[in-house]
């Protein structure tokens, strides 16, 4: 599938490993969940973390967190 990787910052922690991530140039941020490798590796993502989000070109309002900086 086609994904675009964007850099952002976690601005809100939601239930079920879902986060709102602020991306520069977007208002309100995008809704993102943890990718499989982060879940398996038990990587903690907390408020204020810098992350890389893979966003589908078909729905740019949702994404998957693939890396925590």
C-alpha atoms as a PDB file:
ATOM      1  CA  UNK A   1       0.000   0.000   0.000  1.00  0.00           C
ATOM      2  CA  UNK A   2       0.976   3.633  -0.288  1.00  0.00           C
ATOM      3  CA  UNK A   3       2.063   5.471   2.850  1.00  0.00           C
ATOM      4  CA  UNK A   4       3.622   8.842   3.548  1.00  0.00           C
ATOM      5  CA  UNK A   5       5.816   9.131   6.655  1.00  0.00           C
ATOM      6  CA  UNK A   6       5.403  12.365   8.630  1.00  0.00           C
ATOM      7  CA  UNK A   7       7.057  13.693  11.785  1.00  0.00           C
ATOM      8  CA  UNK A   8       4.856  14.836  14.649  1.00  0.00           C
ATOM      9  CA  UNK A   9       4.369  15.181  18.377  1.00  0.00           C
ATOM     10  CA  UNK A  10       1.875  13.339  20.606  1.00  0.00           C
ATOM     11  CA  UNK A  11      -0.611  15.903  21.957  1.00  0.00           C
ATOM     12  CA  UNK A  12      -3.263  13.598  23.429  1.00  0.00           C
ATOM     13  CA  UNK A  13      -3.300  10.034  24.758  1.00  0.00           C
ATOM     14  CA  UNK A  14      -6.546   8.164  24.077  1.00  0.00           C
ATOM     15  CA  UNK A  15      -7.750   4.677  25.111  1.00  0.00           C
ATOM     16  CA  UNK A  16      -6.731   1.470  23.291  1.00  0.00           C
ATOM     17  CA  UNK A  17      -3.193   2.603  22.318  1.00  0.00           C
ATOM     18  CA  UNK A  18      -4.572   5.448  20.221  1.00  0.00           C
ATOM     19  CA  UNK A  19      -2.995   8.893  20.126  1.00  0.00           C
ATOM     20  CA  UNK A  20      -3.664  12.306  18.619  1.00  0.00           C
ATOM     21  CA  UNK A  21      -0.513  13.481  16.863  1.00  0.00           C
ATOM     22  CA  UNK A  22       0.117  17.087  15.850  1.00  0.00           C
ATOM     23  CA  UNK A  23       1.618  17.313  12.377  1.00  0.00           C
ATOM     24  CA  UNK A  24       2.935  20.651  11.201  1.00  0.00           C
ATOM     25  CA  UNK A  25       0.491  22.075   8.684  1.00  0.00           C
ATOM     26  CA  UNK A  26      -2.594  20.205   9.919  1.00  0.00           C
ATOM     27  CA  UNK A  27      -5.207  21.566  12.296  1.00  0.00           C
ATOM     28  CA  UNK A  28      -6.256  19.368  15.217  1.00  0.00           C
ATOM     29  CA  UNK A  29      -3.758  16.662  14.415  1.00  0.00           C
ATOM     30  CA  UNK A  30      -4.353  13.140  13.166  1.00  0.00           C
ATOM     31  CA  UNK A  31      -5.562  10.023  14.937  1.00  0.00           C
ATOM     32  CA  UNK A  32      -2.862   7.346  15.118  1.00  0.00           C
ATOM     33  CA  UNK A  33      -2.512   3.918  16.681  1.00  0.00           C
ATOM     34  CA  UNK A  34       0.639   1.991  17.578  1.00  0.00           C
ATOM     35  CA  UNK A  35       2.256  -0.122  14.896  1.00  0.00           C
ATOM     36  CA  UNK A  36       2.838  -3.835  15.467  1.00  0.00           C
ATOM     37  CA  UNK A  37       6.581  -3.597  16.102  1.00  0.00           C
ATOM     38  CA  UNK A  38       6.089  -0.988  18.813  1.00  0.00           C
ATOM     39  CA  UNK A  39       3.456  -3.178  20.476  1.00  0.00           C
ATOM     40  CA  UNK A  40       5.600  -6.315  20.313  1.00  0.00           C
ATOM     41  CA  UNK A  41       8.632  -4.437  21.604  1.00  0.00           C
ATOM     42  CA  UNK A  42       6.495  -2.867  24.351  1.00  0.00           C
ATOM     43  CA  UNK A  43       7.733   0.607  23.452  1.00  0.00           C
ATOM     44  CA  UNK A  44       5.973   3.217  25.579  1.00  0.00           C
ATOM     45  CA  UNK A  45       4.676   6.320  23.855  1.00  0.00           C
ATOM     46  CA  UNK A  46       3.730   9.160  26.195  1.00  0.00           C
ATOM     47  CA  UNK A  47       2.446  12.713  25.899  1.00  0.00           C
ATOM     48  CA  UNK A  48       4.989  14.987  24.212  1.00  0.00           C
ATOM     49  CA  UNK A  49       6.983  12.261  22.420  1.00  0.00           C
ATOM     50  CA  UNK A  50       8.287  12.968  18.931  1.00  0.00           C
ATOM     51  CA  UNK A  51       7.069  10.207  16.589  1.00  0.00           C
ATOM     52  CA  UNK A  52       7.055   9.176  12.944  1.00  0.00           C
ATOM     53  CA  UNK A  53       3.580   8.422  11.606  1.00  0.00           C
ATOM     54  CA  UNK A  54       2.798   6.419   8.457  1.00  0.00           C
ATOM     55  CA  UNK A  55      -0.281   8.014   6.905  1.00  0.00           C
ATOM     56  CA  UNK A  56      -2.270   6.429   4.083  1.00  0.00           C
ATOM     57  CA  UNK A  57      -2.715   8.535   0.982  1.00  0.00           C
ATOM     58  CA  UNK A  58      -6.369   7.432   0.941  1.00  0.00           C
ATOM     59  CA  UNK A  59      -7.250   8.700   4.452  1.00  0.00           C
ATOM     60  CA  UNK A  60      -4.847  11.420   5.666  1.00  0.00           C
ATOM     61  CA  UNK A  61      -6.724  11.857   8.984  1.00  0.00           C
ATOM     62  CA  UNK A  62      -5.604   8.461  10.343  1.00  0.00           C
ATOM     63  CA  UNK A  63      -2.215   6.860  10.676  1.00  0.00           C
ATOM     64  CA  UNK A  64       0.068   4.373  12.381  1.00  0.00           C
ATOM     65  CA  UNK A  65       2.946   5.277  14.698  1.00  0.00           C
ATOM     66  CA  UNK A  66       5.992   3.454  13.362  1.00  0.00           C
ATOM     67  CA  UNK A  67       8.881   5.072  15.261  1.00  0.00           C
ATOM     68  CA  UNK A  68       9.409   6.971  18.505  1.00  0.00           C
ATOM     69  CA  UNK A  69      12.361   9.403  18.563  1.00  0.00           C
END
